[in-house]
Amino acid sequence: MELERVLDLLVDLAERAGLEVRFVQFDPRFVAGPGGVCKMSERDVVMVDRRALLADQVAVITRALSKRGVRALFVPQPNRRGVST
């Protein structure tokens, strides 16, 4: 499965779990790393550096979901003809 599709599924799952996901461009002078969770106006927000590698973006959202208590996710498999679902 393409990493972009995995990222989309994780963003959807995060939103269903009550997390807001924001992709922003971090200023490396002030922020180190690809992102994390913060509180904004009583809401949990996952901040993801949009310039980070896709694998790092996936890891940020996965960690946020894990801390939220989400332990399992059904990820659709591509069908046998190689077309993603």
PDB file of N, CA and C in Angstrom:
ATOM      1  N   MET A   1       0.854  -1.171   0.000  1.00  0.00           N
ATOM      2  CA  MET A   1       0.000   0.000   0.000  1.00  0.00           C
ATOM      3  C   MET A   1       0.896   1.230   0.000  1.00  0.00           C
ATOM      4  N   GLU A   2       0.518   2.207  -0.761  1.00  0.00           N
ATOM      5  CA  GLU A   2       1.309   3.421  -0.853  1.00  0.00           C
ATOM      6  C   GLU A   2       1.293   4.167   0.479  1.00  0.00           C
ATOM      7  N   LEU A   3       2.417   4.766   0.801  1.00  0.00           N
ATOM      8  CA  LEU A   3       2.542   5.488   2.062  1.00  0.00           C
ATOM      9  C   LEU A   3       1.581   6.669   2.139  1.00  0.00           C
ATOM     10  N   GLU A   4       1.296   7.293   1.010  1.00  0.00           N
ATOM     11  CA  GLU A   4       0.339   8.400   1.006  1.00  0.00           C
ATOM     12  C   GLU A   4      -1.043   7.919   1.449  1.00  0.00           C
ATOM     13  N   ARG A   5      -1.423   6.737   0.998  1.00  0.00           N
ATOM     14  CA  ARG A   5      -2.725   6.158   1.365  1.00  0.00           C
ATOM     15  C   ARG A   5      -2.764   5.832   2.859  1.00  0.00           C
ATOM     16  N   VAL A   6      -1.664   5.294   3.378  1.00  0.00           N
ATOM     17  CA  VAL A   6      -1.580   5.004   4.805  1.00  0.00           C
ATOM     18  C   VAL A   6      -1.730   6.292   5.606  1.00  0.00           C
ATOM     19  N   LEU A   7      -1.057   7.350   5.163  1.00  0.00           N
ATOM     20  CA  LEU A   7      -1.153   8.639   5.845  1.00  0.00           C
ATOM     21  C   LEU A   7      -2.594   9.146   5.835  1.00  0.00           C
ATOM     22  N   ASP A   8      -3.261   9.054   4.705  1.00  0.00           N
ATOM     23  CA  ASP A   8      -4.663   9.481   4.610  1.00  0.00           C
ATOM     24  C   ASP A   8      -5.554   8.695   5.572  1.00  0.00           C
ATOM     25  N   LEU A   9      -5.344   7.383   5.638  1.00  0.00           N
ATOM     26  CA  LEU A   9      -6.134   6.549   6.549  1.00  0.00           C
ATOM     27  C   LEU A   9      -5.883   6.928   8.002  1.00  0.00           C
ATOM     28  N   LEU A  10      -4.628   7.210   8.345  1.00  0.00           N
ATOM     29  CA  LEU A  10      -4.296   7.590   9.712  1.00  0.00           C
ATOM     30  C   LEU A  10      -4.890   8.941  10.083  1.00  0.00           C
ATOM     31  N   VAL A  11      -4.867   9.889   9.152  1.00  0.00           N
ATOM     32  CA  VAL A  11      -5.474  11.199   9.401  1.00  0.00           C
ATOM     33  C   VAL A  11      -6.966  11.028   9.658  1.00  0.00           C
ATOM     34  N   ASP A  12      -7.617  10.218   8.843  1.00  0.00           N
ATOM     35  CA  ASP A  12      -9.049   9.966   9.027  1.00  0.00           C
ATOM     36  C   ASP A  12      -9.318   9.325  10.382  1.00  0.00           C
ATOM     37  N   LEU A  13      -8.520   8.336  10.742  1.00  0.00           N
ATOM     38  CA  LEU A  13      -8.690   7.664  12.027  1.00  0.00           C
ATOM     39  C   LEU A  13      -8.453   8.643  13.180  1.00  0.00           C
ATOM     40  N   ALA A  14      -7.441   9.471  13.073  1.00  0.00           N
ATOM     41  CA  ALA A  14      -7.145  10.449  14.122  1.00  0.00           C
ATOM     42  C   ALA A  14      -8.322  11.395  14.314  1.00  0.00           C
ATOM     43  N   GLU A  15      -8.892  11.850  13.221  1.00  0.00           N
ATOM     44  CA  GLU A  15     -10.034  12.763  13.319  1.00  0.00           C
ATOM     45  C   GLU A  15     -11.236  12.072  13.951  1.00  0.00           C
ATOM     46  N   ARG A  16     -11.452  10.799  13.611  1.00  0.00           N
ATOM     47  CA  ARG A  16     -12.549  10.040  14.231  1.00  0.00           C
ATOM     48  C   ARG A  16     -12.294   9.797  15.712  1.00  0.00           C
ATOM     49  N   ALA A  17     -11.011   9.794  16.115  1.00  0.00           N
ATOM     50  CA  ALA A  17     -10.652   9.597  17.524  1.00  0.00           C
ATOM     51  C   ALA A  17     -10.639  10.922  18.292  1.00  0.00           C
ATOM     52  N   GLY A  18     -11.014  12.012  17.624  1.00  0.00           N
ATOM     53  CA  GLY A  18     -11.103  13.294  18.309  1.00  0.00           C
ATOM     54  C   GLY A  18      -9.864  14.153  18.243  1.00  0.00           C
ATOM     55  N   LEU A  19      -8.924  13.792  17.395  1.00  0.00           N
ATOM     56  CA  LEU A  19      -7.713  14.584  17.216  1.00  0.00           C
ATOM     57  C   LEU A  19      -7.827  15.416  15.950  1.00  0.00           C
ATOM     58  N   GLU A  20      -7.388  16.642  16.032  1.00  0.00           N
ATOM     59  CA  GLU A  20      -7.279  17.464  14.827  1.00  0.00           C
ATOM     60  C   GLU A  20      -5.860  17.302  14.304  1.00  0.00           C
ATOM     61  N   VAL A  21      -5.694  17.116  13.014  1.00  0.00           N
ATOM     62  CA  VAL A  21      -4.369  16.975  12.419  1.00  0.00           C
ATOM     63  C   VAL A  21      -4.102  18.193  11.545  1.00  0.00           C
ATOM     64  N   ARG A  22      -2.978  18.849  11.803  1.00  0.00           N
ATOM     65  CA  ARG A  22      -2.588  20.015  11.007  1.00  0.00           C
ATOM     66  C   ARG A  22      -1.212  19.785  10.412  1.00  0.00           C
ATOM     67  N   PHE A  23      -1.120  19.990   9.110  1.00  0.00           N
ATOM     68  CA  PHE A  23       0.162  19.912   8.418  1.00  0.00           C
ATOM     69  C   PHE A  23       0.656  21.339   8.220  1.00  0.00           C
ATOM     70  N   VAL A  24       1.771  21.650   8.858  1.00  0.00           N
ATOM     71  CA  VAL A  24       2.328  22.995   8.805  1.00  0.00           C
ATOM     72  C   VAL A  24       3.812  22.907   8.480  1.00  0.00           C
ATOM     73  N   GLN A  25       4.365  24.008   8.061  1.00  0.00           N
ATOM     74  CA  GLN A  25       5.801  24.056   7.783  1.00  0.00           C
ATOM     75  C   GLN A  25       6.511  24.565   9.028  1.00  0.00           C
ATOM     76  N   PHE A  26       7.287  23.695   9.672  1.00  0.00           N
ATOM     77  CA  PHE A  26       8.004  24.075  10.876  1.00  0.00           C
ATOM     78  C   PHE A  26       9.225  24.920  10.516  1.00  0.00           C
ATOM     79  N   ASP A  27       9.532  25.846  11.373  1.00  0.00           N
ATOM     80  CA  ASP A  27      10.759  26.627  11.236  1.00  0.00           C
ATOM     81  C   ASP A  27      11.837  25.869  11.998  1.00  0.00           C
ATOM     82  N   PRO A  28      12.850  25.341  11.306  1.00  0.00           N
ATOM     83  CA  PRO A  28      13.853  24.513  11.979  1.00  0.00           C
ATOM     84  C   PRO A  28      14.653  25.251  13.052  1.00  0.00           C
ATOM     85  N   ARG A  29      14.585  26.575  13.065  1.00  0.00           N
ATOM     86  CA  ARG A  29      15.280  27.330  14.117  1.00  0.00           C
ATOM     87  C   ARG A  29      14.577  27.170  15.461  1.00  0.00           C
ATOM     88  N   PHE A  30      13.290  26.846  15.428  1.00  0.00           N
ATOM     89  CA  PHE A  30      12.509  26.789  16.656  1.00  0.00           C
ATOM     90  C   PHE A  30      11.937  25.417  16.973  1.00  0.00           C
ATOM     91  N   VAL A  31      11.775  24.571  15.981  1.00  0.00           N
ATOM     92  CA  VAL A  31      11.163  23.264  16.185  1.00  0.00           C
ATOM     93  C   VAL A  31      12.065  22.191  15.603  1.00  0.00           C
ATOM     94  N   ALA A  32      12.403  21.207  16.442  1.00  0.00           N
ATOM     95  CA  ALA A  32      13.195  20.069  15.975  1.00  0.00           C
ATOM     96  C   ALA A  32      12.281  18.852  15.899  1.00  0.00           C
ATOM     97  N   GLY A  33      12.375  18.111  14.846  1.00  0.00           N
ATOM     98  CA  GLY A  33      11.573  16.897  14.714  1.00  0.00           C
ATOM     99  C   GLY A  33      10.378  17.090  13.802  1.00  0.00           C
ATOM    100  N   PRO A  34       9.708  15.977  13.486  1.00  0.00           N
ATOM    101  CA  PRO A  34       8.613  16.019  12.515  1.00  0.00           C
ATOM    102  C   PRO A  34       7.255  16.388  13.084  1.00  0.00           C
ATOM    103  N   GLY A  35       7.119  16.491  14.418  1.00  0.00           N
ATOM    104  CA  GLY A  35       5.831  16.902  14.965  1.00  0.00           C
ATOM    105  C   GLY A  35       5.476  16.212  16.253  1.00  0.00           C
ATOM    106  N   GLY A  36       4.245  16.450  16.689  1.00  0.00           N
ATOM    107  CA  GLY A  36       3.758  15.866  17.930  1.00  0.00           C
ATOM    108  C   GLY A  36       2.390  16.420  18.275  1.00  0.00           C
ATOM    109  N   VAL A  37       1.923  16.103  19.476  1.00  0.00           N
ATOM    110  CA  VAL A  37       0.595  16.516  19.934  1.00  0.00           C
ATOM    111  C   VAL A  37       0.739  17.715  20.865  1.00  0.00           C
ATOM    112  N   CYS A  38      -0.166  18.661  20.716  1.00  0.00           N
ATOM    113  CA  CYS A  38      -0.214  19.799  21.632  1.00  0.00           C
ATOM    114  C   CYS A  38      -1.671  20.119  21.945  1.00  0.00           C
ATOM    115  N   LYS A  39      -1.882  20.892  23.007  1.00  0.00           N
ATOM    116  CA  LYS A  39      -3.223  21.349  23.392  1.00  0.00           C
ATOM    117  C   LYS A  39      -3.422  22.743  22.833  1.00  0.00           C
ATOM    118  N   MET A  40      -4.531  22.949  22.128  1.00  0.00           N
ATOM    119  CA  MET A  40      -4.876  24.264  21.601  1.00  0.00           C
ATOM    120  C   MET A  40      -6.347  24.503  21.897  1.00  0.00           C
ATOM    121  N   SER A  41      -6.617  25.495  22.733  1.00  0.00           N
ATOM    122  CA  SER A  41      -8.004  25.825  23.092  1.00  0.00           C
ATOM    123  C   SER A  41      -8.766  24.586  23.547  1.00  0.00           C
ATOM    124  N   GLU A  42      -8.168  23.851  24.463  1.00  0.00           N
ATOM    125  CA  GLU A  42      -8.790  22.652  25.044  1.00  0.00           C
ATOM    126  C   GLU A  42      -8.947  21.495  24.062  1.00  0.00           C
ATOM    127  N   ARG A  43      -8.334  21.593  22.891  1.00  0.00           N
ATOM    128  CA  ARG A  43      -8.404  20.510  21.897  1.00  0.00           C
ATOM    129  C   ARG A  43      -7.019  19.920  21.709  1.00  0.00           C
ATOM    130  N   ASP A  44      -6.974  18.608  21.495  1.00  0.00           N
ATOM    131  CA  ASP A  44      -5.713  17.953  21.167  1.00  0.00           C
ATOM    132  C   ASP A  44      -5.485  18.074  19.671  1.00  0.00           C
ATOM    133  N   VAL A  45      -4.333  18.608  19.302  1.00  0.00           N
ATOM    134  CA  VAL A  45      -4.003  18.835  17.902  1.00  0.00           C
ATOM    135  C   VAL A  45      -2.671  18.145  17.600  1.00  0.00           C
ATOM    136  N   VAL A  46      -2.645  17.380  16.520  1.00  0.00           N
ATOM    137  CA  VAL A  46      -1.415  16.758  16.058  1.00  0.00           C
ATOM    138  C   VAL A  46      -0.811  17.703  15.024  1.00  0.00           C
ATOM    139  N   MET A  47       0.363  18.231  15.347  1.00  0.00           N
ATOM    140  CA  MET A  47       1.073  19.122  14.434  1.00  0.00           C
ATOM    141  C   MET A  47       2.112  18.291  13.692  1.00  0.00           C
ATOM    142  N   VAL A  48       2.049  18.328  12.353  1.00  0.00           N
ATOM    143  CA  VAL A  48       2.943  17.527  11.521  1.00  0.00           C
ATOM    144  C   VAL A  48       3.673  18.468  10.562  1.00  0.00           C
ATOM    145  N   ASP A  49       4.989  18.341  10.521  1.00  0.00           N
ATOM    146  CA  ASP A  49       5.775  19.144   9.583  1.00  0.00           C
ATOM    147  C   ASP A  49       5.530  18.605   8.176  1.00  0.00           C
ATOM    148  N   ARG A  50       4.941  19.420   7.331  1.00  0.00           N
ATOM    149  CA  ARG A  50       4.600  18.952   5.980  1.00  0.00           C
ATOM    150  C   ARG A  50       5.831  18.698   5.119  1.00  0.00           C
ATOM    151  N   ARG A  51       7.004  19.170   5.571  1.00  0.00           N
ATOM    152  CA  ARG A  51       8.233  18.907   4.819  1.00  0.00           C
ATOM    153  C   ARG A  51       8.947  17.644   5.285  1.00  0.00           C
ATOM    154  N   ALA A  52       8.447  17.034   6.350  1.00  0.00           N
ATOM    155  CA  ALA A  52       9.064  15.805   6.863  1.00  0.00           C
ATOM    156  C   ALA A  52       8.817  14.659   5.884  1.00  0.00           C
ATOM    157  N   LEU A  53       9.649  13.648   5.975  1.00  0.00           N
ATOM    158  CA  LEU A  53       9.451  12.449   5.163  1.00  0.00           C
ATOM    159  C   LEU A  53       8.090  11.839   5.484  1.00  0.00           C
ATOM    160  N   LEU A  54       7.463  11.224   4.485  1.00  0.00           N
ATOM    161  CA  LEU A  54       6.156  10.596   4.707  1.00  0.00           C
ATOM    162  C   LEU A  54       6.197   9.585   5.843  1.00  0.00           C
ATOM    163  N   ALA A  55       7.275   8.818   5.915  1.00  0.00           N
ATOM    164  CA  ALA A  55       7.393   7.824   6.987  1.00  0.00           C
ATOM    165  C   ALA A  55       7.398   8.501   8.353  1.00  0.00           C
ATOM    166  N   ASP A  56       8.036   9.657   8.466  1.00  0.00           N
ATOM    167  CA  ASP A  56       8.048  10.400   9.727  1.00  0.00           C
ATOM    168  C   ASP A  56       6.671  10.982  10.042  1.00  0.00           C
ATOM    169  N   GLN A  57       5.948  11.440   9.022  1.00  0.00           N
ATOM    170  CA  GLN A  57       4.593  11.948   9.229  1.00  0.00           C
ATOM    171  C   GLN A  57       3.690  10.830   9.736  1.00  0.00           C
ATOM    172  N   VAL A  58       3.810   9.657   9.136  1.00  0.00           N
ATOM    173  CA  VAL A  58       3.036   8.488   9.573  1.00  0.00           C
ATOM    174  C   VAL A  58       3.375   8.165  11.030  1.00  0.00           C
ATOM    175  N   ALA A  59       4.657   8.221  11.382  1.00  0.00           N
ATOM    176  CA  ALA A  59       5.076   7.909  12.748  1.00  0.00           C
ATOM    177  C   ALA A  59       4.502   8.899  13.756  1.00  0.00           C
ATOM    178  N   VAL A  60       4.459  10.180  13.410  1.00  0.00           N
ATOM    179  CA  VAL A  60       3.911  11.198  14.315  1.00  0.00           C
ATOM    180  C   VAL A  60       2.449  10.896  14.618  1.00  0.00           C
ATOM    181  N   ILE A  61       1.673  10.617  13.586  1.00  0.00           N
ATOM    182  CA  ILE A  61       0.245  10.366  13.790  1.00  0.00           C
ATOM    183  C   ILE A  61       0.028   9.034  14.508  1.00  0.00           C
ATOM    184  N   THR A  62       0.831   8.037  14.190  1.00  0.00           N
ATOM    185  CA  THR A  62       0.728   6.740  14.860  1.00  0.00           C
ATOM    186  C   THR A  62       1.000   6.875  16.353  1.00  0.00           C
ATOM    187  N   ARG A  63       2.035   7.636  16.718  1.00  0.00           N
ATOM    188  CA  ARG A  63       2.331   7.861  18.140  1.00  0.00           C
ATOM    189  C   ARG A  63       1.175   8.587  18.832  1.00  0.00           C
ATOM    190  N   ALA A  64       0.611   9.581  18.160  1.00  0.00           N
ATOM    191  CA  ALA A  64      -0.510  10.325  18.746  1.00  0.00           C
ATOM    192  C   ALA A  64      -1.708   9.407  18.980  1.00  0.00           C
ATOM    193  N   LEU A  65      -1.982   8.530  18.026  1.00  0.00           N
ATOM    194  CA  LEU A  65      -3.089   7.583  18.178  1.00  0.00           C
ATOM    195  C   LEU A  65      -2.822   6.607  19.318  1.00  0.00           C
ATOM    196  N   SER A  66      -1.595   6.156  19.429  1.00  0.00           N
ATOM    197  CA  SER A  66      -1.231   5.229  20.489  1.00  0.00           C
ATOM    198  C   SER A  66      -1.431   5.871  21.862  1.00  0.00           C
ATOM    199  N   LYS A  67      -1.022   7.130  21.994  1.00  0.00           N
ATOM    200  CA  LYS A  67      -1.206   7.841  23.265  1.00  0.00           C
ATOM    201  C   LYS A  67      -2.684   8.082  23.556  1.00  0.00           C
ATOM    202  N   ARG A  68      -3.483   8.117  22.510  1.00  0.00           N
ATOM    203  CA  ARG A  68      -4.927   8.324  22.654  1.00  0.00           C
ATOM    204  C   ARG A  68      -5.633   7.018  23.002  1.00  0.00           C
ATOM    205  N   GLY A  69      -4.904   5.894  22.930  1.00  0.00           N
ATOM    206  CA  GLY A  69      -5.490   4.611  23.277  1.00  0.00           C
ATOM    207  C   GLY A  69      -5.966   3.809  22.076  1.00  0.00           C
ATOM    208  N   VAL A  70      -5.752   4.308  20.880  1.00  0.00           N
ATOM    209  CA  VAL A  70      -6.135   3.567  19.674  1.00  0.00           C
ATOM    210  C   VAL A  70      -5.036   2.536  19.433  1.00  0.00           C
ATOM    211  N   ARG A  71      -5.404   1.259  19.471  1.00  0.00           N
ATOM    212  CA  ARG A  71      -4.412   0.188  19.387  1.00  0.00           C
ATOM    213  C   ARG A  71      -4.440  -0.589  18.074  1.00  0.00           C
ATOM    214  N   ALA A  72      -5.560  -0.598  17.371  1.00  0.00           N
ATOM    215  CA  ALA A  72      -5.652  -1.421  16.163  1.00  0.00           C
ATOM    216  C   ALA A  72      -6.334  -0.636  15.062  1.00  0.00           C
ATOM    217  N   LEU A  73      -5.947  -0.954  13.857  1.00  0.00           N
ATOM    218  CA  LEU A  73      -6.515  -0.288  12.692  1.00  0.00           C
ATOM    219  C   LEU A  73      -6.596  -1.305  11.573  1.00  0.00           C
ATOM    220  N   PHE A  74      -7.769  -1.417  10.985  1.00  0.00           N
ATOM    221  CA  PHE A  74      -7.914  -2.247   9.793  1.00  0.00           C
ATOM    222  C   PHE A  74      -7.494  -1.414   8.600  1.00  0.00           C
ATOM    223  N   VAL A  75      -6.496  -1.895   7.884  1.00  0.00           N
ATOM    224  CA  VAL A  75      -6.028  -1.216   6.683  1.00  0.00           C
ATOM    225  C   VAL A  75      -6.387  -2.084   5.493  1.00  0.00           C
ATOM    226  N   PRO A  76      -7.219  -1.568   4.576  1.00  0.00           N
ATOM    227  CA  PRO A  76      -7.596  -2.370   3.417  1.00  0.00           C
ATOM    228  C   PRO A  76      -6.381  -2.758   2.584  1.00  0.00           C
ATOM    229  N   GLN A  77      -6.392  -3.971   2.101  1.00  0.00           N
ATOM    230  CA  GLN A  77      -5.304  -4.446   1.247  1.00  0.00           C
ATOM    231  C   GLN A  77      -5.644  -4.197  -0.214  1.00  0.00           C
ATOM    232  N   PRO A  78      -4.636  -3.959  -1.026  1.00  0.00           N
ATOM    233  CA  PRO A  78      -4.920  -3.823  -2.451  1.00  0.00           C
ATOM    234  C   PRO A  78      -5.462  -5.144  -3.005  1.00  0.00           C
ATOM    235  N   ASN A  79      -6.317  -5.057  -4.025  1.00  0.00           N
ATOM    236  CA  ASN A  79      -6.835  -6.295  -4.584  1.00  0.00           C
ATOM    237  C   ASN A  79      -5.750  -6.978  -5.414  1.00  0.00           C
ATOM    238  N   ARG A  80      -6.024  -8.151  -5.911  1.00  0.00           N
ATOM    239  CA  ARG A  80      -5.010  -8.940  -6.590  1.00  0.00           C
ATOM    240  C   ARG A  80      -4.547  -8.361  -7.918  1.00  0.00           C
ATOM    241  N   ARG A  81      -5.314  -7.460  -8.496  1.00  0.00           N
ATOM    242  CA  ARG A  81      -4.911  -6.846  -9.757  1.00  0.00           C
ATOM    243  C   ARG A  81      -3.993  -5.663  -9.543  1.00  0.00           C
ATOM    244  N   GLY A  82      -3.649  -5.369  -8.274  1.00  0.00           N
ATOM    245  CA  GLY A  82      -2.735  -4.295  -7.987  1.00  0.00           C
ATOM    246  C   GLY A  82      -3.386  -2.923  -7.864  1.00  0.00           C
ATOM    247  N   VAL A  83      -4.714  -2.886  -7.871  1.00  0.00           N
ATOM    248  CA  VAL A  83      -5.430  -1.619  -7.751  1.00  0.00           C
ATOM    249  C   VAL A  83      -5.769  -1.413  -6.292  1.00  0.00           C
ATOM    250  N   SER A  84      -5.410  -0.255  -5.741  1.00  0.00           N
ATOM    251  CA  SER A  84      -5.696   0.029  -4.342  1.00  0.00           C
ATOM    252  C   SER A  84      -7.186   0.169  -4.124  1.00  0.00           C
ATOM    253  N   THR A  85      -7.625  -0.221  -2.931  1.00  0.00           N
ATOM    254  CA  THR A  85      -9.040  -0.094  -2.574  1.00  0.00           C
ATOM    255  C   THR A  85      -9.320   1.273  -2.029  1.00  0.00           C
TER     256      THR A  85
END
